[in-house]
Amino acid sequence: MSVDIHNSEGYADPTPFQALSGIEREEKKALRAFRPIVYICSPYAGDIEANVAAARRYSSFAVDKGYIPIAPHLLFPQFLNDRDPKERELGLFFGNAIMSKCSEIWVFGSTISNGMATEIKRARWKNYRLRYFTEEMEEKNDV
């Protein structure tokens, strides 16, 4: 935005300049604010179209809550074939590597797929923080 101290007539006008400069500083701070990274764990296999749409909603939910979402099952199927066992294993391996960089693992839904079960098992083994949510994105505290 870059605020000018001069008004439209060319005269120095320090009051609006200070106010607008303060707003600009706050906006920049908000953009630089720390946001933890969360791993989105939700089904991919089965109804892929519906599951991808759900993973997008879950990722958007994480952004709204102040986090940076990572959903490997939205990325890796773009270039890895989930039906090829070797490529599927590679995708799970990549996901595990990314998971280690996340502050939390968010598990969504009541259905735990085989891939999710593997991710949850690894997260527990590594003692990562797991949080569980319903399909409606309500946190479950009884897990």
N, C-alpha and C. Protein backbone atom coordinates (compact mmCIF):
# COMPACT_ATOMS: atom_id res chain seq x y z
N MET A 1 0.83 -1.18 0.00
CA MET A 1 0.00 0.00 0.00
C MET A 1 0.87 1.25 0.00
N SER A 2 1.88 1.36 0.85
CA SER A 2 2.82 2.47 0.91
C SER A 2 2.10 3.81 1.02
N VAL A 3 1.90 4.24 2.23
CA VAL A 3 1.15 5.45 2.55
C VAL A 3 2.03 6.69 2.34
N ASP A 4 1.44 7.74 1.78
CA ASP A 4 2.14 9.00 1.56
C ASP A 4 1.73 9.98 2.65
N ILE A 5 2.69 10.71 3.19
CA ILE A 5 2.40 11.69 4.25
C ILE A 5 1.67 12.91 3.69
N HIS A 6 1.71 13.10 2.39
CA HIS A 6 1.08 14.26 1.76
C HIS A 6 -0.35 13.93 1.34
N ASN A 7 -1.23 14.90 1.49
CA ASN A 7 -2.61 14.71 1.06
C ASN A 7 -2.73 14.95 -0.44
N SER A 8 -3.95 14.89 -0.95
CA SER A 8 -4.17 15.02 -2.40
C SER A 8 -3.79 16.40 -2.93
N GLU A 9 -3.71 17.39 -2.03
CA GLU A 9 -3.32 18.74 -2.45
C GLU A 9 -1.82 18.97 -2.31
N GLY A 10 -1.08 17.96 -1.81
CA GLY A 10 0.37 18.07 -1.71
C GLY A 10 0.88 18.56 -0.36
N TYR A 11 0.00 18.81 0.59
CA TYR A 11 0.42 19.28 1.91
C TYR A 11 0.66 18.09 2.84
N ALA A 12 1.62 18.28 3.75
CA ALA A 12 1.88 17.24 4.75
C ALA A 12 0.66 17.10 5.65
N ASP A 13 0.21 15.87 5.86
CA ASP A 13 -0.97 15.60 6.68
C ASP A 13 -0.63 14.43 7.60
N PRO A 14 0.06 14.69 8.73
CA PRO A 14 0.60 13.61 9.55
C PRO A 14 -0.44 12.74 10.26
N THR A 15 -1.62 13.25 10.58
CA THR A 15 -2.59 12.45 11.33
C THR A 15 -3.09 11.24 10.52
N PRO A 16 -3.63 11.45 9.32
CA PRO A 16 -4.05 10.26 8.55
C PRO A 16 -2.85 9.38 8.16
N PHE A 17 -1.69 10.03 7.94
CA PHE A 17 -0.50 9.25 7.61
C PHE A 17 -0.16 8.28 8.73
N GLN A 18 -0.17 8.74 9.98
CA GLN A 18 0.14 7.86 11.11
C GLN A 18 -0.90 6.76 11.26
N ALA A 19 -2.16 7.12 11.10
CA ALA A 19 -3.24 6.12 11.24
C ALA A 19 -3.12 5.05 10.16
N LEU A 20 -2.96 5.46 8.92
CA LEU A 20 -2.86 4.50 7.82
C LEU A 20 -1.57 3.68 7.89
N SER A 21 -0.49 4.30 8.35
CA SER A 21 0.77 3.56 8.51
C SER A 21 0.61 2.48 9.58
N GLY A 22 -0.11 2.79 10.66
CA GLY A 22 -0.36 1.80 11.71
C GLY A 22 -1.17 0.63 11.19
N ILE A 23 -2.18 0.91 10.38
CA ILE A 23 -2.99 -0.15 9.78
C ILE A 23 -2.12 -1.02 8.89
N GLU A 24 -1.29 -0.40 8.08
CA GLU A 24 -0.40 -1.14 7.18
C GLU A 24 0.55 -2.05 7.96
N ARG A 25 1.10 -1.54 9.08
CA ARG A 25 2.00 -2.36 9.91
C ARG A 25 1.26 -3.57 10.49
N GLU A 26 0.04 -3.34 10.95
CA GLU A 26 -0.75 -4.45 11.53
C GLU A 26 -1.07 -5.50 10.48
N GLU A 27 -1.38 -5.07 9.27
CA GLU A 27 -1.66 -6.02 8.19
C GLU A 27 -0.43 -6.85 7.87
N LYS A 28 0.73 -6.23 7.84
CA LYS A 28 1.97 -6.97 7.57
C LYS A 28 2.27 -7.96 8.68
N LYS A 29 2.03 -7.55 9.94
CA LYS A 29 2.24 -8.45 11.07
C LYS A 29 1.33 -9.66 10.96
N ALA A 30 0.09 -9.43 10.60
CA ALA A 30 -0.88 -10.53 10.50
C ALA A 30 -0.43 -11.53 9.43
N LEU A 31 0.14 -11.04 8.36
CA LEU A 31 0.61 -11.94 7.30
C LEU A 31 1.83 -12.74 7.74
N ARG A 32 2.65 -12.18 8.63
CA ARG A 32 3.85 -12.87 9.09
C ARG A 32 3.60 -13.68 10.35
N ALA A 33 2.42 -13.59 10.92
CA ALA A 33 2.14 -14.27 12.19
C ALA A 33 2.39 -15.77 12.04
N PHE A 34 2.86 -16.36 13.12
CA PHE A 34 3.14 -17.80 13.13
C PHE A 34 1.86 -18.60 12.98
N ARG A 35 1.90 -19.58 12.13
CA ARG A 35 0.80 -20.53 11.96
C ARG A 35 1.40 -21.92 12.01
N PRO A 36 1.00 -22.74 12.97
CA PRO A 36 1.52 -24.10 13.01
C PRO A 36 1.02 -24.92 11.83
N ILE A 37 1.81 -25.90 11.45
CA ILE A 37 1.45 -26.80 10.34
C ILE A 37 0.73 -28.01 10.92
N VAL A 38 -0.42 -28.36 10.31
CA VAL A 38 -1.16 -29.55 10.73
C VAL A 38 -1.30 -30.51 9.56
N TYR A 39 -1.23 -31.78 9.90
CA TYR A 39 -1.35 -32.87 8.92
C TYR A 39 -2.81 -33.28 8.87
N ILE A 40 -3.41 -33.22 7.70
CA ILE A 40 -4.81 -33.59 7.53
C ILE A 40 -4.87 -35.07 7.17
N CYS A 41 -5.48 -35.86 8.05
CA CYS A 41 -5.63 -37.31 7.89
C CYS A 41 -7.11 -37.60 7.67
N SER A 42 -7.45 -37.96 6.45
CA SER A 42 -8.83 -38.30 6.11
C SER A 42 -8.80 -39.29 4.96
N PRO A 43 -9.92 -39.97 4.70
CA PRO A 43 -9.93 -41.00 3.66
C PRO A 43 -9.65 -40.45 2.26
N TYR A 44 -9.00 -41.27 1.46
CA TYR A 44 -8.83 -40.98 0.03
C TYR A 44 -9.50 -42.08 -0.80
N ALA A 45 -9.18 -43.31 -0.51
CA ALA A 45 -9.70 -44.45 -1.27
C ALA A 45 -11.21 -44.55 -1.13
N GLY A 46 -11.82 -45.28 -2.05
CA GLY A 46 -13.28 -45.44 -2.03
C GLY A 46 -13.89 -44.42 -2.95
N ASP A 47 -14.73 -43.57 -2.43
CA ASP A 47 -15.35 -42.49 -3.21
C ASP A 47 -14.37 -41.33 -3.28
N ILE A 48 -13.42 -41.44 -4.19
CA ILE A 48 -12.32 -40.48 -4.28
C ILE A 48 -12.83 -39.05 -4.46
N GLU A 49 -13.80 -38.85 -5.32
CA GLU A 49 -14.30 -37.50 -5.57
C GLU A 49 -14.86 -36.86 -4.30
N ALA A 50 -15.67 -37.59 -3.57
CA ALA A 50 -16.25 -37.08 -2.32
C ALA A 50 -15.16 -36.91 -1.25
N ASN A 51 -14.21 -37.84 -1.21
CA ASN A 51 -13.15 -37.77 -0.20
C ASN A 51 -12.20 -36.60 -0.45
N VAL A 52 -11.93 -36.32 -1.71
CA VAL A 52 -11.08 -35.16 -2.06
C VAL A 52 -11.81 -33.87 -1.68
N ALA A 53 -13.11 -33.81 -1.98
CA ALA A 53 -13.89 -32.62 -1.61
C ALA A 53 -13.88 -32.42 -0.09
N ALA A 54 -14.01 -33.52 0.64
CA ALA A 54 -14.00 -33.44 2.11
C ALA A 54 -12.63 -32.96 2.60
N ALA A 55 -11.55 -33.50 2.04
CA ALA A 55 -10.20 -33.10 2.44
C ALA A 55 -9.98 -31.60 2.18
N ARG A 56 -10.55 -31.10 1.12
CA ARG A 56 -10.46 -29.67 0.84
C ARG A 56 -11.21 -28.87 1.91
N ARG A 57 -12.38 -29.34 2.29
CA ARG A 57 -13.14 -28.65 3.37
C ARG A 57 -12.35 -28.69 4.67
N TYR A 58 -11.75 -29.84 4.99
CA TYR A 58 -10.98 -29.96 6.23
C TYR A 58 -9.77 -29.03 6.20
N SER A 59 -9.14 -28.92 5.05
CA SER A 59 -7.99 -28.02 4.92
C SER A 59 -8.40 -26.57 5.09
N SER A 60 -9.53 -26.20 4.51
CA SER A 60 -10.06 -24.85 4.66
C SER A 60 -10.40 -24.56 6.12
N PHE A 61 -10.96 -25.54 6.80
CA PHE A 61 -11.26 -25.43 8.23
C PHE A 61 -9.99 -25.15 9.02
N ALA A 62 -8.91 -25.86 8.70
CA ALA A 62 -7.64 -25.64 9.40
C ALA A 62 -7.13 -24.22 9.18
N VAL A 63 -7.24 -23.72 7.96
CA VAL A 63 -6.82 -22.35 7.67
C VAL A 63 -7.64 -21.37 8.50
N ASP A 64 -8.96 -21.59 8.54
CA ASP A 64 -9.83 -20.71 9.33
C ASP A 64 -9.47 -20.72 10.81
N LYS A 65 -8.91 -21.82 11.29
CA LYS A 65 -8.53 -21.94 12.70
C LYS A 65 -7.11 -21.42 12.96
N GLY A 66 -6.43 -20.94 11.91
CA GLY A 66 -5.11 -20.33 12.10
C GLY A 66 -3.95 -21.28 11.86
N TYR A 67 -4.18 -22.37 11.14
CA TYR A 67 -3.13 -23.36 10.87
C TYR A 67 -2.81 -23.41 9.38
N ILE A 68 -1.68 -24.01 9.07
CA ILE A 68 -1.31 -24.31 7.69
C ILE A 68 -1.57 -25.81 7.48
N PRO A 69 -2.54 -26.16 6.66
CA PRO A 69 -2.84 -27.58 6.47
C PRO A 69 -1.94 -28.23 5.42
N ILE A 70 -1.59 -29.48 5.69
CA ILE A 70 -0.89 -30.31 4.72
C ILE A 70 -1.75 -31.56 4.54
N ALA A 71 -2.23 -31.77 3.34
CA ALA A 71 -3.06 -32.94 3.04
C ALA A 71 -2.38 -33.71 1.90
N PRO A 72 -1.47 -34.63 2.23
CA PRO A 72 -0.72 -35.34 1.19
C PRO A 72 -1.61 -36.06 0.18
N HIS A 73 -2.77 -36.52 0.61
CA HIS A 73 -3.66 -37.23 -0.31
C HIS A 73 -4.33 -36.30 -1.32
N LEU A 74 -4.15 -35.00 -1.17
CA LEU A 74 -4.57 -34.07 -2.21
C LEU A 74 -3.44 -33.79 -3.20
N LEU A 75 -2.21 -33.98 -2.76
CA LEU A 75 -1.05 -33.69 -3.60
C LEU A 75 -0.53 -34.92 -4.34
N PHE A 76 -0.19 -35.96 -3.62
CA PHE A 76 0.53 -37.08 -4.23
C PHE A 76 -0.25 -37.83 -5.31
N PRO A 77 -1.56 -37.99 -5.22
CA PRO A 77 -2.28 -38.64 -6.33
C PRO A 77 -2.24 -37.85 -7.64
N GLN A 78 -1.74 -36.61 -7.58
CA GLN A 78 -1.59 -35.84 -8.81
C GLN A 78 -0.51 -36.42 -9.71
N PHE A 79 0.47 -37.13 -9.09
CA PHE A 79 1.56 -37.70 -9.90
C PHE A 79 1.93 -39.13 -9.51
N LEU A 80 1.31 -39.66 -8.45
CA LEU A 80 1.52 -41.06 -8.08
C LEU A 80 0.20 -41.81 -8.25
N ASN A 81 0.28 -43.04 -8.74
CA ASN A 81 -0.91 -43.85 -8.95
C ASN A 81 -1.22 -44.63 -7.67
N ASP A 82 -2.33 -44.29 -7.01
CA ASP A 82 -2.70 -44.93 -5.75
C ASP A 82 -3.01 -46.41 -5.94
N ARG A 83 -3.31 -46.83 -7.16
CA ARG A 83 -3.63 -48.25 -7.42
C ARG A 83 -2.38 -49.10 -7.64
N ASP A 84 -1.24 -48.45 -7.85
CA ASP A 84 0.03 -49.16 -8.02
C ASP A 84 0.65 -49.31 -6.63
N PRO A 85 0.80 -50.55 -6.12
CA PRO A 85 1.28 -50.75 -4.75
C PRO A 85 2.62 -50.05 -4.45
N LYS A 86 3.54 -50.06 -5.40
CA LYS A 86 4.83 -49.40 -5.17
C LYS A 86 4.66 -47.88 -5.04
N GLU A 87 3.84 -47.30 -5.91
CA GLU A 87 3.63 -45.86 -5.84
C GLU A 87 2.81 -45.47 -4.62
N ARG A 88 1.88 -46.34 -4.22
CA ARG A 88 1.11 -46.07 -3.00
C ARG A 88 2.03 -46.06 -1.78
N GLU A 89 2.93 -47.03 -1.70
CA GLU A 89 3.89 -47.09 -0.59
C GLU A 89 4.79 -45.86 -0.59
N LEU A 90 5.19 -45.43 -1.78
CA LEU A 90 6.01 -44.22 -1.89
C LEU A 90 5.24 -43.01 -1.36
N GLY A 91 3.96 -42.90 -1.72
CA GLY A 91 3.13 -41.81 -1.23
C GLY A 91 2.99 -41.82 0.28
N LEU A 92 2.81 -43.02 0.86
CA LEU A 92 2.72 -43.14 2.32
C LEU A 92 4.05 -42.76 2.98
N PHE A 93 5.14 -43.15 2.36
CA PHE A 93 6.47 -42.79 2.87
C PHE A 93 6.65 -41.27 2.85
N PHE A 94 6.27 -40.63 1.73
CA PHE A 94 6.36 -39.18 1.64
C PHE A 94 5.50 -38.52 2.72
N GLY A 95 4.29 -39.05 2.91
CA GLY A 95 3.40 -38.52 3.94
C GLY A 95 4.02 -38.60 5.32
N ASN A 96 4.68 -39.73 5.62
CA ASN A 96 5.34 -39.88 6.92
C ASN A 96 6.44 -38.84 7.10
N ALA A 97 7.18 -38.57 6.04
CA ALA A 97 8.25 -37.57 6.12
C ALA A 97 7.65 -36.19 6.41
N ILE A 98 6.56 -35.87 5.75
CA ILE A 98 5.91 -34.57 5.96
C ILE A 98 5.30 -34.51 7.36
N MET A 99 4.72 -35.62 7.81
CA MET A 99 4.09 -35.66 9.13
C MET A 99 5.07 -35.26 10.22
N SER A 100 6.32 -35.62 10.06
CA SER A 100 7.32 -35.31 11.09
C SER A 100 7.57 -33.81 11.23
N LYS A 101 7.15 -33.03 10.25
CA LYS A 101 7.33 -31.57 10.28
C LYS A 101 6.11 -30.84 10.83
N CYS A 102 5.05 -31.57 11.12
CA CYS A 102 3.79 -30.97 11.55
C CYS A 102 3.68 -30.93 13.07
N SER A 103 2.99 -29.92 13.58
CA SER A 103 2.83 -29.80 15.03
C SER A 103 1.70 -30.69 15.54
N GLU A 104 0.73 -31.00 14.69
CA GLU A 104 -0.39 -31.84 15.08
C GLU A 104 -0.87 -32.66 13.89
N ILE A 105 -1.54 -33.77 14.21
CA ILE A 105 -2.19 -34.60 13.20
C ILE A 105 -3.68 -34.51 13.47
N TRP A 106 -4.45 -34.07 12.47
CA TRP A 106 -5.90 -33.95 12.63
C TRP A 106 -6.55 -35.07 11.83
N VAL A 107 -7.28 -35.92 12.53
CA VAL A 107 -7.96 -37.07 11.93
C VAL A 107 -9.44 -36.71 11.78
N PHE A 108 -9.95 -36.82 10.56
CA PHE A 108 -11.34 -36.44 10.28
C PHE A 108 -12.19 -37.64 9.91
N GLY A 109 -13.41 -37.65 10.46
CA GLY A 109 -14.41 -38.63 10.06
C GLY A 109 -14.48 -39.85 10.95
N SER A 110 -15.53 -40.61 10.75
CA SER A 110 -15.75 -41.82 11.54
C SER A 110 -15.19 -43.06 10.85
N THR A 111 -14.89 -42.95 9.56
CA THR A 111 -14.32 -44.06 8.81
C THR A 111 -12.80 -43.91 8.78
N ILE A 112 -12.12 -44.94 9.26
CA ILE A 112 -10.65 -44.95 9.23
C ILE A 112 -10.22 -45.92 8.13
N SER A 113 -9.67 -45.38 7.05
CA SER A 113 -9.20 -46.22 5.95
C SER A 113 -7.89 -46.90 6.33
N ASN A 114 -7.45 -47.84 5.51
CA ASN A 114 -6.17 -48.51 5.77
C ASN A 114 -5.01 -47.53 5.80
N GLY A 115 -5.01 -46.57 4.86
CA GLY A 115 -3.95 -45.57 4.83
C GLY A 115 -3.96 -44.70 6.07
N MET A 116 -5.17 -44.31 6.51
CA MET A 116 -5.29 -43.51 7.73
C MET A 116 -4.81 -44.30 8.94
N ALA A 117 -5.17 -45.57 9.00
CA ALA A 117 -4.76 -46.41 10.14
C ALA A 117 -3.23 -46.48 10.22
N THR A 118 -2.58 -46.56 9.07
CA THR A 118 -1.12 -46.58 9.03
C THR A 118 -0.56 -45.25 9.54
N GLU A 119 -1.18 -44.14 9.11
CA GLU A 119 -0.72 -42.82 9.55
C GLU A 119 -0.93 -42.64 11.05
N ILE A 120 -2.07 -43.06 11.55
CA ILE A 120 -2.38 -42.92 12.98
C ILE A 120 -1.42 -43.77 13.81
N LYS A 121 -1.16 -44.98 13.34
CA LYS A 121 -0.23 -45.87 14.05
C LYS A 121 1.15 -45.22 14.15
N ARG A 122 1.61 -44.66 13.05
CA ARG A 122 2.92 -44.01 13.05
C ARG A 122 2.91 -42.79 13.97
N ALA A 123 1.86 -42.01 13.92
CA ALA A 123 1.77 -40.81 14.77
C ALA A 123 1.82 -41.19 16.24
N ARG A 124 1.13 -42.27 16.60
CA ARG A 124 1.16 -42.72 18.00
C ARG A 124 2.55 -43.23 18.37
N TRP A 125 3.16 -43.98 17.47
CA TRP A 125 4.49 -44.53 17.72
C TRP A 125 5.50 -43.40 17.93
N LYS A 126 5.36 -42.32 17.15
CA LYS A 126 6.28 -41.18 17.26
C LYS A 126 5.84 -40.17 18.32
N ASN A 127 4.70 -40.47 18.96
CA ASN A 127 4.16 -39.62 20.03
C ASN A 127 3.80 -38.21 19.53
N TYR A 128 3.24 -38.13 18.31
CA TYR A 128 2.75 -36.87 17.77
C TYR A 128 1.39 -36.57 18.39
N ARG A 129 1.06 -35.30 18.45
CA ARG A 129 -0.25 -34.91 18.99
C ARG A 129 -1.34 -35.21 17.97
N LEU A 130 -2.29 -36.04 18.34
CA LEU A 130 -3.43 -36.41 17.50
C LEU A 130 -4.68 -35.71 18.00
N ARG A 131 -5.45 -35.17 17.06
CA ARG A 131 -6.76 -34.60 17.39
C ARG A 131 -7.77 -35.20 16.42
N TYR A 132 -8.94 -35.52 16.93
CA TYR A 132 -9.97 -36.18 16.13
C TYR A 132 -11.16 -35.25 15.94
N PHE A 133 -11.70 -35.25 14.70
CA PHE A 133 -12.83 -34.40 14.35
C PHE A 133 -13.87 -35.22 13.59
N THR A 134 -15.11 -34.79 13.70
CA THR A 134 -16.18 -35.42 12.93
C THR A 134 -16.12 -34.91 11.49
N GLU A 135 -16.97 -35.47 10.63
CA GLU A 135 -17.07 -34.98 9.26
C GLU A 135 -17.56 -33.53 9.23
N GLU A 136 -18.27 -33.13 10.29
CA GLU A 136 -18.78 -31.75 10.39
C GLU A 136 -17.76 -30.83 11.05
N MET A 137 -16.55 -31.35 11.28
CA MET A 137 -15.42 -30.59 11.82
C MET A 137 -15.63 -30.16 13.28
N GLU A 138 -16.31 -30.99 14.02
CA GLU A 138 -16.44 -30.78 15.47
C GLU A 138 -15.43 -31.70 16.15
N GLU A 139 -14.67 -31.13 17.07
CA GLU A 139 -13.64 -31.93 17.73
C GLU A 139 -14.27 -32.96 18.65
N LYS A 140 -13.73 -34.18 18.58
CA LYS A 140 -14.16 -35.27 19.45
C LYS A 140 -13.16 -35.38 20.58
N ASN A 141 -13.62 -35.23 21.80
CA ASN A 141 -12.73 -35.29 22.96
C ASN A 141 -12.74 -36.64 23.64
N ASP A 142 -13.58 -37.55 23.17
CA ASP A 142 -13.72 -38.85 23.85
C ASP A 142 -12.90 -39.96 23.19
N VAL A 143 -11.91 -39.60 22.41
CA VAL A 143 -11.10 -40.60 21.71
C VAL A 143 -9.86 -40.91 22.51
